[in-house]
N, C-alpha and C. Protein backbone atom coordinates (compact mmCIF):
# COMPACT_ATOMS: atom_id res chain seq x y z
N MET A 1 2.17 5.15 16.40
CA MET A 1 2.43 6.17 15.41
C MET A 1 1.44 7.31 15.61
N GLU A 2 1.93 8.53 15.63
CA GLU A 2 1.08 9.70 15.83
C GLU A 2 0.54 10.20 14.49
N LEU A 3 -0.76 10.08 14.31
CA LEU A 3 -1.40 10.58 13.10
C LEU A 3 -2.38 11.70 13.40
N ASN A 4 -2.52 12.06 14.65
CA ASN A 4 -3.53 13.04 15.04
C ASN A 4 -3.39 14.37 14.31
N PHE A 5 -2.20 14.74 13.94
CA PHE A 5 -1.98 16.02 13.29
C PHE A 5 -2.45 16.02 11.84
N ILE A 6 -2.69 14.87 11.25
CA ILE A 6 -3.05 14.83 9.82
C ILE A 6 -4.47 15.33 9.60
N HIS A 7 -5.41 14.75 10.28
CA HIS A 7 -6.79 15.14 10.03
C HIS A 7 -7.70 14.49 11.07
N LEU A 8 -8.77 15.13 11.38
CA LEU A 8 -9.73 14.60 12.35
C LEU A 8 -10.26 13.23 11.92
N TRP A 9 -10.46 13.04 10.63
CA TRP A 9 -10.98 11.75 10.14
C TRP A 9 -10.05 10.61 10.53
N PHE A 10 -8.75 10.81 10.32
CA PHE A 10 -7.79 9.76 10.68
C PHE A 10 -7.82 9.48 12.17
N ARG A 11 -7.85 10.53 12.97
CA ARG A 11 -7.86 10.36 14.42
C ARG A 11 -9.10 9.59 14.86
N THR A 12 -10.25 9.98 14.33
CA THR A 12 -11.50 9.31 14.68
C THR A 12 -11.47 7.85 14.23
N ALA A 13 -11.00 7.61 13.01
CA ALA A 13 -10.93 6.24 12.50
C ALA A 13 -9.99 5.38 13.35
N LEU A 14 -8.87 5.93 13.76
CA LEU A 14 -7.95 5.19 14.62
C LEU A 14 -8.58 4.91 15.98
N GLU A 15 -9.22 5.91 16.56
CA GLU A 15 -9.84 5.75 17.88
C GLU A 15 -10.96 4.73 17.86
N LYS A 16 -11.73 4.67 16.77
CA LYS A 16 -12.85 3.74 16.67
C LYS A 16 -12.43 2.39 16.07
N ASP A 17 -11.11 2.22 15.87
CA ASP A 17 -10.56 0.98 15.34
C ASP A 17 -11.07 0.67 13.93
N LYS A 18 -11.36 1.72 13.16
CA LYS A 18 -11.80 1.56 11.77
C LYS A 18 -10.62 1.62 10.81
N LEU A 19 -9.50 2.17 11.28
CA LEU A 19 -8.29 2.29 10.48
C LEU A 19 -7.17 1.63 11.26
N LEU A 20 -6.45 0.76 10.60
CA LEU A 20 -5.39 0.03 11.25
C LEU A 20 -4.13 0.12 10.41
N LEU A 21 -3.04 0.50 11.03
CA LEU A 21 -1.75 0.55 10.36
C LEU A 21 -1.01 -0.72 10.74
N VAL A 22 -0.60 -1.48 9.73
CA VAL A 22 0.05 -2.76 9.98
C VAL A 22 1.31 -2.84 9.14
N GLN A 23 2.40 -3.26 9.77
CA GLN A 23 3.64 -3.46 9.03
C GLN A 23 3.55 -4.74 8.23
N SER A 24 4.33 -4.82 7.17
CA SER A 24 4.30 -6.00 6.31
C SER A 24 5.02 -7.19 6.92
N GLY A 25 5.88 -6.94 7.91
CA GLY A 25 6.65 -8.03 8.49
C GLY A 25 7.89 -8.35 7.68
N SER A 26 8.20 -7.53 6.69
CA SER A 26 9.35 -7.75 5.82
C SER A 26 10.32 -6.58 5.95
N SER A 27 11.60 -6.88 5.97
CA SER A 27 12.60 -5.82 6.00
C SER A 27 13.07 -5.45 4.60
N SER A 28 12.61 -6.16 3.60
CA SER A 28 13.00 -5.91 2.21
C SER A 28 12.25 -4.70 1.67
N PRO A 29 12.87 -3.95 0.75
CA PRO A 29 12.14 -2.84 0.12
C PRO A 29 11.04 -3.33 -0.82
N CYS A 30 11.07 -4.62 -1.16
CA CYS A 30 10.03 -5.20 -2.01
C CYS A 30 9.07 -6.00 -1.13
N LEU A 31 7.91 -6.29 -1.67
CA LEU A 31 6.89 -7.02 -0.91
C LEU A 31 6.33 -8.13 -1.79
N ASP A 32 6.64 -9.36 -1.43
CA ASP A 32 6.14 -10.52 -2.14
C ASP A 32 4.83 -10.93 -1.47
N LEU A 33 3.70 -10.64 -2.12
CA LEU A 33 2.39 -10.92 -1.53
C LEU A 33 2.12 -12.41 -1.34
N SER A 34 2.89 -13.26 -2.00
CA SER A 34 2.71 -14.70 -1.82
C SER A 34 3.40 -15.19 -0.55
N ARG A 35 4.17 -14.32 0.09
CA ARG A 35 4.91 -14.70 1.30
C ARG A 35 4.67 -13.71 2.44
N LEU A 36 3.41 -13.33 2.63
CA LEU A 36 3.08 -12.38 3.70
C LEU A 36 3.32 -12.99 5.07
N ASP A 37 3.68 -12.13 6.01
CA ASP A 37 3.79 -12.51 7.40
C ASP A 37 2.45 -13.08 7.86
N LYS A 38 2.47 -14.19 8.60
CA LYS A 38 1.22 -14.84 9.03
C LYS A 38 0.35 -13.90 9.85
N GLY A 39 0.97 -13.08 10.71
CA GLY A 39 0.20 -12.14 11.52
C GLY A 39 -0.54 -11.13 10.67
N LEU A 40 0.12 -10.62 9.63
CA LEU A 40 -0.51 -9.67 8.73
C LEU A 40 -1.66 -10.34 7.96
N ALA A 41 -1.42 -11.52 7.45
CA ALA A 41 -2.46 -12.24 6.71
C ALA A 41 -3.68 -12.50 7.60
N THR A 42 -3.45 -12.83 8.84
CA THR A 42 -4.54 -13.09 9.78
C THR A 42 -5.35 -11.82 10.02
N VAL A 43 -4.68 -10.69 10.23
CA VAL A 43 -5.37 -9.42 10.45
C VAL A 43 -6.22 -9.06 9.23
N VAL A 44 -5.66 -9.20 8.04
CA VAL A 44 -6.38 -8.87 6.81
C VAL A 44 -7.63 -9.74 6.69
N TRP A 45 -7.51 -11.03 6.96
CA TRP A 45 -8.64 -11.96 6.83
C TRP A 45 -9.70 -11.71 7.90
N GLU A 46 -9.29 -11.63 9.15
CA GLU A 46 -10.25 -11.49 10.25
C GLU A 46 -11.00 -10.16 10.22
N ARG A 47 -10.35 -9.10 9.79
CA ARG A 47 -10.99 -7.78 9.79
C ARG A 47 -11.74 -7.50 8.49
N LYS A 48 -11.74 -8.47 7.57
CA LYS A 48 -12.42 -8.30 6.28
C LYS A 48 -11.98 -6.98 5.63
N THR A 49 -10.69 -6.85 5.47
CA THR A 49 -10.08 -5.62 4.96
C THR A 49 -10.71 -5.20 3.64
N ASP A 50 -11.04 -3.91 3.53
CA ASP A 50 -11.65 -3.40 2.31
C ASP A 50 -10.75 -2.43 1.55
N LEU A 51 -9.61 -2.07 2.12
CA LEU A 51 -8.66 -1.19 1.44
C LEU A 51 -7.25 -1.55 1.88
N VAL A 52 -6.37 -1.75 0.91
CA VAL A 52 -4.95 -2.00 1.18
C VAL A 52 -4.17 -0.88 0.51
N ILE A 53 -3.26 -0.27 1.28
CA ILE A 53 -2.39 0.77 0.74
C ILE A 53 -0.97 0.23 0.75
N ILE A 54 -0.37 0.22 -0.43
CA ILE A 54 1.02 -0.23 -0.56
C ILE A 54 1.85 0.98 -0.95
N GLU A 55 2.86 1.27 -0.15
CA GLU A 55 3.63 2.50 -0.31
C GLU A 55 5.10 2.18 -0.54
N GLY A 56 5.69 2.91 -1.47
CA GLY A 56 7.12 2.79 -1.74
C GLY A 56 7.38 2.23 -3.13
N MET A 57 8.47 2.67 -3.74
CA MET A 57 8.79 2.26 -5.11
C MET A 57 8.97 0.75 -5.23
N GLY A 58 9.69 0.14 -4.29
CA GLY A 58 9.91 -1.30 -4.35
C GLY A 58 8.64 -2.09 -4.17
N ARG A 59 7.87 -1.74 -3.16
CA ARG A 59 6.66 -2.50 -2.82
C ARG A 59 5.49 -2.21 -3.76
N ALA A 60 5.29 -0.95 -4.10
CA ALA A 60 4.12 -0.57 -4.90
C ALA A 60 4.35 -0.72 -6.40
N ILE A 61 5.58 -0.52 -6.86
CA ILE A 61 5.85 -0.52 -8.30
C ILE A 61 6.59 -1.79 -8.73
N HIS A 62 7.77 -2.03 -8.19
CA HIS A 62 8.59 -3.16 -8.64
C HIS A 62 7.90 -4.50 -8.48
N THR A 63 7.25 -4.73 -7.35
CA THR A 63 6.72 -6.07 -7.11
C THR A 63 5.20 -6.19 -7.12
N ASN A 64 4.46 -5.07 -7.10
CA ASN A 64 3.00 -5.21 -6.99
C ASN A 64 2.20 -4.26 -7.88
N TYR A 65 2.83 -3.62 -8.84
CA TYR A 65 2.12 -2.67 -9.68
C TYR A 65 0.94 -3.33 -10.40
N TYR A 66 1.13 -4.55 -10.86
CA TYR A 66 0.08 -5.26 -11.59
C TYR A 66 -0.66 -6.28 -10.73
N ALA A 67 -0.38 -6.32 -9.45
CA ALA A 67 -1.05 -7.27 -8.55
C ALA A 67 -2.53 -6.89 -8.43
N ALA A 68 -3.39 -7.86 -8.62
CA ALA A 68 -4.84 -7.65 -8.50
C ALA A 68 -5.28 -8.14 -7.13
N LEU A 69 -5.80 -7.26 -6.30
CA LEU A 69 -6.24 -7.63 -4.97
C LEU A 69 -7.75 -7.83 -4.96
N ARG A 70 -8.25 -8.47 -3.93
CA ARG A 70 -9.70 -8.73 -3.81
C ARG A 70 -10.45 -7.59 -3.16
N CYS A 71 -9.73 -6.54 -2.79
CA CYS A 71 -10.35 -5.36 -2.19
C CYS A 71 -9.79 -4.13 -2.90
N GLU A 72 -10.28 -2.96 -2.53
CA GLU A 72 -9.74 -1.73 -3.10
C GLU A 72 -8.27 -1.62 -2.73
N SER A 73 -7.49 -1.02 -3.63
CA SER A 73 -6.08 -0.85 -3.32
C SER A 73 -5.60 0.51 -3.80
N LEU A 74 -4.59 0.98 -3.12
CA LEU A 74 -3.94 2.25 -3.44
C LEU A 74 -2.45 1.99 -3.41
N LYS A 75 -1.80 2.23 -4.54
CA LYS A 75 -0.35 2.02 -4.65
C LYS A 75 0.29 3.38 -4.85
N LEU A 76 1.18 3.73 -3.93
CA LEU A 76 1.79 5.06 -3.89
C LEU A 76 3.31 4.94 -3.95
N ALA A 77 3.94 5.78 -4.77
CA ALA A 77 5.40 5.75 -4.84
C ALA A 77 5.92 7.01 -5.51
N VAL A 78 7.17 7.30 -5.23
CA VAL A 78 7.93 8.31 -5.96
C VAL A 78 8.95 7.54 -6.78
N ILE A 79 8.99 7.80 -8.08
CA ILE A 79 9.91 7.08 -8.97
C ILE A 79 11.29 7.70 -8.84
N LYS A 80 12.24 6.91 -8.34
CA LYS A 80 13.60 7.42 -8.10
C LYS A 80 14.62 6.75 -9.00
N ASN A 81 14.17 6.22 -10.11
CA ASN A 81 15.04 5.52 -11.04
C ASN A 81 14.69 5.99 -12.45
N ALA A 82 15.66 6.52 -13.19
CA ALA A 82 15.41 7.08 -14.52
C ALA A 82 14.88 6.02 -15.49
N TRP A 83 15.43 4.81 -15.44
CA TRP A 83 14.98 3.75 -16.34
C TRP A 83 13.51 3.43 -16.10
N LEU A 84 13.12 3.28 -14.83
CA LEU A 84 11.74 2.96 -14.50
C LEU A 84 10.80 4.10 -14.87
N ALA A 85 11.23 5.33 -14.64
CA ALA A 85 10.42 6.49 -15.01
C ALA A 85 10.14 6.48 -16.50
N GLU A 86 11.16 6.22 -17.29
CA GLU A 86 10.99 6.18 -18.75
C GLU A 86 10.07 5.03 -19.16
N ARG A 87 10.23 3.90 -18.53
CA ARG A 87 9.40 2.73 -18.84
C ARG A 87 7.92 3.00 -18.56
N LEU A 88 7.66 3.78 -17.49
CA LEU A 88 6.28 4.10 -17.12
C LEU A 88 5.76 5.34 -17.83
N GLY A 89 6.60 5.97 -18.65
CA GLY A 89 6.17 7.14 -19.40
C GLY A 89 6.17 8.43 -18.60
N GLY A 90 7.00 8.50 -17.58
CA GLY A 90 7.06 9.70 -16.75
C GLY A 90 8.47 10.20 -16.59
N ASN A 91 8.66 11.03 -15.60
CA ASN A 91 9.97 11.60 -15.31
C ASN A 91 10.45 11.09 -13.96
N ILE A 92 11.75 11.16 -13.77
CA ILE A 92 12.30 10.80 -12.47
C ILE A 92 11.70 11.73 -11.41
N PHE A 93 11.41 11.21 -10.26
CA PHE A 93 10.76 11.87 -9.14
C PHE A 93 9.28 12.17 -9.40
N SER A 94 8.71 11.52 -10.41
CA SER A 94 7.25 11.60 -10.59
C SER A 94 6.59 10.80 -9.48
N VAL A 95 5.36 11.15 -9.18
CA VAL A 95 4.60 10.45 -8.15
C VAL A 95 3.61 9.52 -8.83
N VAL A 96 3.55 8.30 -8.35
CA VAL A 96 2.57 7.32 -8.83
C VAL A 96 1.50 7.19 -7.75
N PHE A 97 0.27 7.31 -8.18
CA PHE A 97 -0.90 7.21 -7.30
C PHE A 97 -1.89 6.35 -8.06
N LYS A 98 -1.86 5.04 -7.83
CA LYS A 98 -2.70 4.11 -8.58
C LYS A 98 -3.78 3.54 -7.67
N TYR A 99 -5.02 3.93 -7.95
CA TYR A 99 -6.16 3.42 -7.19
C TYR A 99 -6.89 2.39 -8.05
N GLU A 100 -7.23 1.27 -7.43
CA GLU A 100 -7.98 0.22 -8.12
C GLU A 100 -9.17 -0.19 -7.27
N MET A 101 -10.31 -0.27 -7.90
CA MET A 101 -11.52 -0.70 -7.21
C MET A 101 -11.48 -2.22 -7.02
N ALA A 102 -12.24 -2.69 -6.06
CA ALA A 102 -12.35 -4.12 -5.83
C ALA A 102 -13.09 -4.77 -7.00
N PRO A 103 -12.70 -5.98 -7.39
CA PRO A 103 -13.44 -6.65 -8.45
C PRO A 103 -14.84 -7.00 -7.98
N LYS A 104 -15.77 -7.04 -8.93
CA LYS A 104 -17.16 -7.35 -8.58
C LYS A 104 -17.40 -8.83 -8.59
């Protein structure tokens, strides 16, 4: 994946292996964290992951909005459902940007 155009920080982090982009191993729009792909779980454990970014309405909102992780997390989505937007107190096509610090 080409990220060089985004910012020097991303390019440097990728080159120094400080930033890793990993697929979930799931073709579903939702992400069940209790059933992670073994390869993904191994990478997270071995690299002592300190930040997880979950992107997409299905993965970040429907199935993991209230999930508490052991590291920092960022959940990003655009709300494309009027019912869900109303439930969350926003408007359709609102952006959700939920950052959570790691528990102490």
